[in-house]
Amino acid sequence: MPAKIYTKTGDKGKTSLIGGTKVPKSYLRIEAYGTVDELNSFTGLCLDHLNSAGIAHKLDEVQDRLFTIGSSLACDPEKETKLKIPDLHEEDIVLLEKEMDAMQENLPEMKSFILPSGHVIVSTLHVARCVCRRAERCCVKMDRKKLFVSPLVVKYLNRLSDYLFILARYATQQLKVVEKPWKPRV
C-alpha cells in the first residue's frame, strides 16, 4: 500500500524545510517556494496550450529549472542536506536570452503597452508572467531580510518573466491574433 499523502504535521500551521527545520507556513521562504510552485503549475498549463497549438518552446526546460529553484528555496541554508539538490547555472539564463532574441527578431516594435488578451494561450502566458514577478519579489524580499537566496535565482526569475512576455507576443503572432494596445482614457 502506498504511503498516505497526508501527514497531519501541518495542521498547526507549521511545516519543515529540507533539512528538518520547522517553520511557520507563513514564513517568507515558504511563500517564495510556494509561489515558484504556482508558477510551475501555470507554466505546465501554458505548455499544454502551446503544444496543442504547435508553438511549444523551452517551457519543459523552464519547468525543470523551476523545480531546481523550488528545491533551493526549500532548503534550510544553515543545514547540510542528505539530498542532492540540482544547481541553477548562468547558462540557464543565457538560454532564455537566446530564445527571446530569436522570437523577437520577427515581432513588431511595441509602441504602447499591450493588454493581456486575444487568446487563452496569450492570457495564460501573461498570468504566468505575473506569478513569476511575484516569485521574484518574494525572493528579493528574502534577500532584503537577510534570508539566503542565490542571486542566480533572482536573476533567472527576472529573465523568465521577460521570456514569458516575449513568448506571449510570439504566440499572438503565430496564432494570427491582433495585439490589443492599451489606449488610456484622457
C-alpha atoms as a PDB file:
ATOM      1  CA  MET A   1       0.000   0.000   0.000  1.00  0.00           C
ATOM      2  CA  PRO A   2       1.436   3.410  -0.932  1.00  0.00           C
ATOM      3  CA  ALA A   3       2.219   5.919   1.800  1.00  0.00           C
ATOM      4  CA  LYS A   4      -0.567   8.328   2.648  1.00  0.00           C
ATOM      5  CA  ILE A   5      -0.205  11.816   1.217  1.00  0.00           C
ATOM      6  CA  TYR A   6      -1.445  13.479   4.377  1.00  0.00           C
ATOM      7  CA  THR A   7       0.769  13.556   7.434  1.00  0.00           C
ATOM      8  CA  LYS A   8      -1.229  15.903   9.687  1.00  0.00           C
ATOM      9  CA  THR A   9       2.041  17.567  10.698  1.00  0.00           C
ATOM     10  CA  GLY A  10       0.936  20.872   9.151  1.00  0.00           C
ATOM     11  CA  ASP A  11      -2.389  21.060  10.950  1.00  0.00           C
ATOM     12  CA  LYS A  12      -0.999  23.599  13.414  1.00  0.00           C
ATOM     13  CA  GLY A  13       0.401  25.921  10.747  1.00  0.00           C
ATOM     14  CA  LYS A  14       3.978  24.646  10.674  1.00  0.00           C
ATOM     15  CA  THR A  15       5.980  22.828   8.038  1.00  0.00           C
ATOM     16  CA  SER A  16       9.547  21.605   7.578  1.00  0.00           C
ATOM     17  CA  LEU A  17      12.269  22.842   5.294  1.00  0.00           C
ATOM     18  CA  ILE A  18      14.593  20.356   3.620  1.00  0.00           C
ATOM     19  CA  GLY A  19      16.959  19.673   6.485  1.00  0.00           C
ATOM     20  CA  GLY A  20      14.187  19.331   9.042  1.00  0.00           C
ATOM     21  CA  THR A  21      13.886  22.864  10.396  1.00  0.00           C
ATOM     22  CA  LYS A  22      10.279  23.574  11.430  1.00  0.00           C
ATOM     23  CA  VAL A  23       8.939  26.970  10.361  1.00  0.00           C
ATOM     24  CA  PRO A  24       5.518  28.632  10.214  1.00  0.00           C
ATOM     25  CA  LYS A  25       3.707  28.159   6.909  1.00  0.00           C
ATOM     26  CA  SER A  26       3.659  31.959   6.686  1.00  0.00           C
ATOM     27  CA  TYR A  27       7.484  32.060   6.646  1.00  0.00           C
ATOM     28  CA  LEU A  28       8.817  34.045   3.693  1.00  0.00           C
ATOM     29  CA  ARG A  29      10.880  31.111   2.402  1.00  0.00           C
ATOM     30  CA  ILE A  30       7.690  29.003   2.246  1.00  0.00           C
ATOM     31  CA  GLU A  31       5.884  31.841   0.445  1.00  0.00           C
ATOM     32  CA  ALA A  32       8.720  32.045  -2.078  1.00  0.00           C
ATOM     33  CA  TYR A  33       8.874  28.377  -2.987  1.00  0.00           C
ATOM     34  CA  GLY A  34       5.090  28.104  -2.901  1.00  0.00           C
ATOM     35  CA  THR A  35       4.912  30.921  -5.451  1.00  0.00           C
ATOM     36  CA  VAL A  36       7.528  29.171  -7.594  1.00  0.00           C
ATOM     37  CA  ASP A  37       5.396  26.018  -7.385  1.00  0.00           C
ATOM     38  CA  GLU A  38       2.351  28.036  -8.515  1.00  0.00           C
ATOM     39  CA  LEU A  39       4.433  29.424 -11.383  1.00  0.00           C
ATOM     40  CA  ASN A  40       5.473  25.904 -12.347  1.00  0.00           C
ATOM     41  CA  SER A  41       1.813  24.850 -12.471  1.00  0.00           C
ATOM     42  CA  PHE A  42       0.906  27.798 -14.701  1.00  0.00           C
ATOM     43  CA  THR A  43       3.951  27.012 -16.849  1.00  0.00           C
ATOM     44  CA  GLY A  44       2.594  23.494 -17.315  1.00  0.00           C
ATOM     45  CA  LEU A  45      -0.776  24.927 -18.328  1.00  0.00           C
ATOM     46  CA  CYS A  46       0.973  27.211 -20.837  1.00  0.00           C
ATOM     47  CA  LEU A  47       2.954  24.258 -22.171  1.00  0.00           C
ATOM     48  CA  ASP A  48      -0.237  22.231 -22.622  1.00  0.00           C
ATOM     49  CA  HIS A  49      -1.849  25.069 -24.570  1.00  0.00           C
ATOM     50  CA  LEU A  50       1.258  25.766 -26.649  1.00  0.00           C
ATOM     51  CA  ASN A  51       1.756  22.096 -27.523  1.00  0.00           C
ATOM     52  CA  SER A  52      -1.815  21.893 -28.750  1.00  0.00           C
ATOM     53  CA  ALA A  53      -1.186  24.962 -30.925  1.00  0.00           C
ATOM     54  CA  GLY A  54       2.157  23.664 -32.176  1.00  0.00           C
ATOM     55  CA  ILE A  55       4.206  26.551 -30.740  1.00  0.00           C
ATOM     56  CA  ALA A  56       5.921  24.883 -27.811  1.00  0.00           C
ATOM     57  CA  HIS A  57       9.297  26.356 -26.959  1.00  0.00           C
ATOM     58  CA  LYS A  58      11.527  25.708 -23.987  1.00  0.00           C
ATOM     59  CA  LEU A  59       8.856  25.541 -21.290  1.00  0.00           C
ATOM     60  CA  ASP A  60       9.680  21.925 -20.406  1.00  0.00           C
ATOM     61  CA  GLU A  61      13.210  23.072 -19.534  1.00  0.00           C
ATOM     62  CA  VAL A  62      11.760  26.042 -17.654  1.00  0.00           C
ATOM     63  CA  GLN A  63       9.691  23.659 -15.533  1.00  0.00           C
ATOM     64  CA  ASP A  64      12.823  21.708 -14.655  1.00  0.00           C
ATOM     65  CA  ARG A  65      14.622  24.920 -13.648  1.00  0.00           C
ATOM     66  CA  LEU A  66      11.617  25.963 -11.537  1.00  0.00           C
ATOM     67  CA  PHE A  67      11.840  22.661  -9.635  1.00  0.00           C
ATOM     68  CA  THR A  68      15.543  23.392  -9.148  1.00  0.00           C
ATOM     69  CA  ILE A  69      14.698  26.853  -7.779  1.00  0.00           C
ATOM     70  CA  GLY A  70      11.940  25.470  -5.560  1.00  0.00           C
ATOM     71  CA  SER A  71      14.320  22.859  -4.152  1.00  0.00           C
ATOM     72  CA  SER A  72      16.925  25.512  -3.449  1.00  0.00           C
ATOM     73  CA  LEU A  73      14.399  27.745  -1.694  1.00  0.00           C
ATOM     74  CA  ALA A  74      13.002  24.827   0.336  1.00  0.00           C
ATOM     75  CA  CYS A  75      16.393  24.079   1.904  1.00  0.00           C
ATOM     76  CA  ASP A  76      17.469  25.402   5.244  1.00  0.00           C
ATOM     77  CA  PRO A  77      20.686  27.206   4.257  1.00  0.00           C
ATOM     78  CA  GLU A  78      22.036  26.660   7.775  1.00  0.00           C
ATOM     79  CA  LYS A  79      21.957  22.850   7.466  1.00  0.00           C
ATOM     80  CA  GLU A  80      23.542  20.263   5.233  1.00  0.00           C
ATOM     81  CA  THR A  81      21.009  18.155   3.383  1.00  0.00           C
ATOM     82  CA  LYS A  82      21.308  14.489   2.540  1.00  0.00           C
ATOM     83  CA  LEU A  83      19.536  15.174  -0.742  1.00  0.00           C
ATOM     84  CA  LYS A  84      21.458  16.140  -3.860  1.00  0.00           C
ATOM     85  CA  ILE A  85      19.860  19.458  -4.891  1.00  0.00           C
ATOM     86  CA  PRO A  86      20.450  20.437  -8.539  1.00  0.00           C
ATOM     87  CA  ASP A  87      22.073  23.765  -9.330  1.00  0.00           C
ATOM     88  CA  LEU A  88      20.968  26.676 -11.457  1.00  0.00           C
ATOM     89  CA  HIS A  89      23.612  27.890 -13.919  1.00  0.00           C
ATOM     90  CA  GLU A  90      24.321  31.128 -15.752  1.00  0.00           C
ATOM     91  CA  GLU A  91      23.789  29.145 -18.985  1.00  0.00           C
ATOM     92  CA  ASP A  92      20.117  28.722 -17.991  1.00  0.00           C
ATOM     93  CA  ILE A  93      19.741  32.497 -18.136  1.00  0.00           C
ATOM     94  CA  VAL A  94      21.682  32.742 -21.398  1.00  0.00           C
ATOM     95  CA  LEU A  95      19.333  30.158 -22.938  1.00  0.00           C
ATOM     96  CA  LEU A  96      16.307  32.316 -22.074  1.00  0.00           C
ATOM     97  CA  GLU A  97      18.022  35.359 -23.570  1.00  0.00           C
ATOM     98  CA  LYS A  98      18.835  33.490 -26.807  1.00  0.00           C
ATOM     99  CA  GLU A  99      15.260  32.245 -27.078  1.00  0.00           C
ATOM    100  CA  MET A 100      13.908  35.777 -26.549  1.00  0.00           C
ATOM    101  CA  ASP A 101      16.281  37.213 -29.151  1.00  0.00           C
ATOM    102  CA  ALA A 102      15.222  34.602 -31.708  1.00  0.00           C
ATOM    103  CA  MET A 103      11.492  35.194 -31.125  1.00  0.00           C
ATOM    104  CA  GLN A 104      11.848  38.959 -31.008  1.00  0.00           C
ATOM    105  CA  GLU A 105      13.516  39.152 -34.433  1.00  0.00           C
ATOM    106  CA  ASN A 106      10.130  38.796 -36.123  1.00  0.00           C
ATOM    107  CA  LEU A 107       7.954  40.709 -33.675  1.00  0.00           C
ATOM    108  CA  PRO A 108       6.682  44.192 -34.484  1.00  0.00           C
ATOM    109  CA  GLU A 109       8.051  47.050 -32.427  1.00  0.00           C
ATOM    110  CA  MET A 110       5.988  47.837 -29.347  1.00  0.00           C
ATOM    111  CA  LYS A 111       4.554  51.337 -29.459  1.00  0.00           C
ATOM    112  CA  SER A 112       2.307  51.047 -26.409  1.00  0.00           C
ATOM    113  CA  PHE A 113       1.515  48.770 -23.514  1.00  0.00           C
ATOM    114  CA  ILE A 114      -0.268  45.586 -24.558  1.00  0.00           C
ATOM    115  CA  LEU A 115      -3.371  44.288 -22.822  1.00  0.00           C
ATOM    116  CA  PRO A 116      -3.095  40.601 -21.926  1.00  0.00           C
ATOM    117  CA  SER A 117      -5.848  39.181 -24.119  1.00  0.00           C
ATOM    118  CA  GLY A 118      -6.719  37.816 -27.524  1.00  0.00           C
ATOM    119  CA  HIS A 119      -6.370  34.082 -26.955  1.00  0.00           C
ATOM    120  CA  VAL A 120      -6.388  31.741 -23.967  1.00  0.00           C
ATOM    121  CA  ILE A 121      -2.727  30.860 -24.595  1.00  0.00           C
ATOM    122  CA  VAL A 122      -1.698  34.511 -24.627  1.00  0.00           C
ATOM    123  CA  SER A 123      -3.653  35.363 -21.490  1.00  0.00           C
ATOM    124  CA  THR A 124      -2.316  32.310 -19.647  1.00  0.00           C
ATOM    125  CA  LEU A 125       1.263  33.245 -20.541  1.00  0.00           C
ATOM    126  CA  HIS A 126       0.622  36.693 -19.068  1.00  0.00           C
ATOM    127  CA  VAL A 127      -0.776  35.134 -15.878  1.00  0.00           C
ATOM    128  CA  ALA A 128       2.402  33.032 -15.631  1.00  0.00           C
ATOM    129  CA  ARG A 129       4.473  36.195 -16.178  1.00  0.00           C
ATOM    130  CA  CYS A 130       2.681  37.934 -13.294  1.00  0.00           C
ATOM    131  CA  VAL A 131       3.176  34.944 -10.975  1.00  0.00           C
ATOM    132  CA  CYS A 132       6.841  34.915 -11.994  1.00  0.00           C
ATOM    133  CA  ARG A 133       7.183  38.579 -10.993  1.00  0.00           C
ATOM    134  CA  ARG A 134       5.579  37.771  -7.627  1.00  0.00           C
ATOM    135  CA  ALA A 135       8.047  34.912  -7.094  1.00  0.00           C
ATOM    136  CA  GLU A 136      10.863  37.304  -7.935  1.00  0.00           C
ATOM    137  CA  ARG A 137       9.534  39.866  -5.426  1.00  0.00           C
ATOM    138  CA  CYS A 138       9.366  37.164  -2.725  1.00  0.00           C
ATOM    139  CA  CYS A 139      12.991  36.242  -3.370  1.00  0.00           C
ATOM    140  CA  VAL A 140      14.114  39.877  -3.330  1.00  0.00           C
ATOM    141  CA  LYS A 141      12.241  40.350  -0.054  1.00  0.00           C
ATOM    142  CA  MET A 142      14.048  37.298   1.356  1.00  0.00           C
ATOM    143  CA  ASP A 143      17.376  38.787   0.334  1.00  0.00           C
ATOM    144  CA  ARG A 144      16.494  42.159   1.918  1.00  0.00           C
ATOM    145  CA  LYS A 145      15.604  40.345   5.160  1.00  0.00           C
ATOM    146  CA  LYS A 146      18.969  38.545   5.080  1.00  0.00           C
ATOM    147  CA  LEU A 147      17.417  35.137   4.310  1.00  0.00           C
ATOM    148  CA  PHE A 148      19.762  33.404   1.891  1.00  0.00           C
ATOM    149  CA  VAL A 149      18.635  33.186  -1.708  1.00  0.00           C
ATOM    150  CA  SER A 150      21.027  32.620  -4.564  1.00  0.00           C
ATOM    151  CA  PRO A 151      21.489  35.730  -6.717  1.00  0.00           C
ATOM    152  CA  LEU A 152      21.106  33.429  -9.753  1.00  0.00           C
ATOM    153  CA  VAL A 153      17.561  32.592  -8.617  1.00  0.00           C
ATOM    154  CA  VAL A 154      16.564  36.255  -8.640  1.00  0.00           C
ATOM    155  CA  LYS A 155      18.276  36.800 -11.985  1.00  0.00           C
ATOM    156  CA  TYR A 156      16.624  33.727 -13.541  1.00  0.00           C
ATOM    157  CA  LEU A 157      13.153  34.734 -12.364  1.00  0.00           C
ATOM    158  CA  ASN A 158      13.700  38.257 -13.671  1.00  0.00           C
ATOM    159  CA  ARG A 159      14.714  36.939 -17.086  1.00  0.00           C
ATOM    160  CA  LEU A 160      11.965  34.314 -17.093  1.00  0.00           C
ATOM    161  CA  SER A 161       9.254  36.948 -16.686  1.00  0.00           C
ATOM    162  CA  ASP A 162      10.695  38.756 -19.719  1.00  0.00           C
ATOM    163  CA  TYR A 163      10.767  35.454 -21.610  1.00  0.00           C
ATOM    164  CA  LEU A 164       7.108  34.775 -20.803  1.00  0.00           C
ATOM    165  CA  PHE A 165       6.192  38.263 -22.044  1.00  0.00           C
ATOM    166  CA  ILE A 166       8.039  37.745 -25.341  1.00  0.00           C
ATOM    167  CA  LEU A 167       6.572  34.251 -25.667  1.00  0.00           C
ATOM    168  CA  ALA A 168       3.071  35.737 -25.229  1.00  0.00           C
ATOM    169  CA  ARG A 169       3.788  38.227 -28.007  1.00  0.00           C
ATOM    170  CA  TYR A 170       5.245  35.464 -30.176  1.00  0.00           C
ATOM    171  CA  ALA A 171       2.206  33.248 -29.587  1.00  0.00           C
ATOM    172  CA  THR A 172      -0.038  36.170 -30.537  1.00  0.00           C
ATOM    173  CA  GLN A 173       1.788  36.482 -33.834  1.00  0.00           C
ATOM    174  CA  GLN A 174       1.883  32.734 -34.531  1.00  0.00           C
ATOM    175  CA  LEU A 175      -1.837  32.404 -33.812  1.00  0.00           C
ATOM    176  CA  LYS A 176      -2.545  35.418 -36.024  1.00  0.00           C
ATOM    177  CA  VAL A 177      -4.233  37.230 -33.159  1.00  0.00           C
ATOM    178  CA  VAL A 178      -4.140  41.009 -33.083  1.00  0.00           C
ATOM    179  CA  GLU A 179      -2.315  42.501 -30.118  1.00  0.00           C
ATOM    180  CA  LYS A 180      -4.590  44.807 -28.199  1.00  0.00           C
ATOM    181  CA  PRO A 181      -2.772  48.043 -27.338  1.00  0.00           C
ATOM    182  CA  TRP A 182      -3.723  49.893 -24.190  1.00  0.00           C
ATOM    183  CA  LYS A 183      -5.376  53.168 -25.103  1.00  0.00           C
ATOM    184  CA  PRO A 184      -5.653  55.157 -21.871  1.00  0.00           C
ATOM    185  CA  ARG A 185      -8.580  57.479 -21.325  1.00  0.00           C
ATOM    186  CA  VAL A 186      -7.547  61.093 -21.420  1.00  0.00           C
END
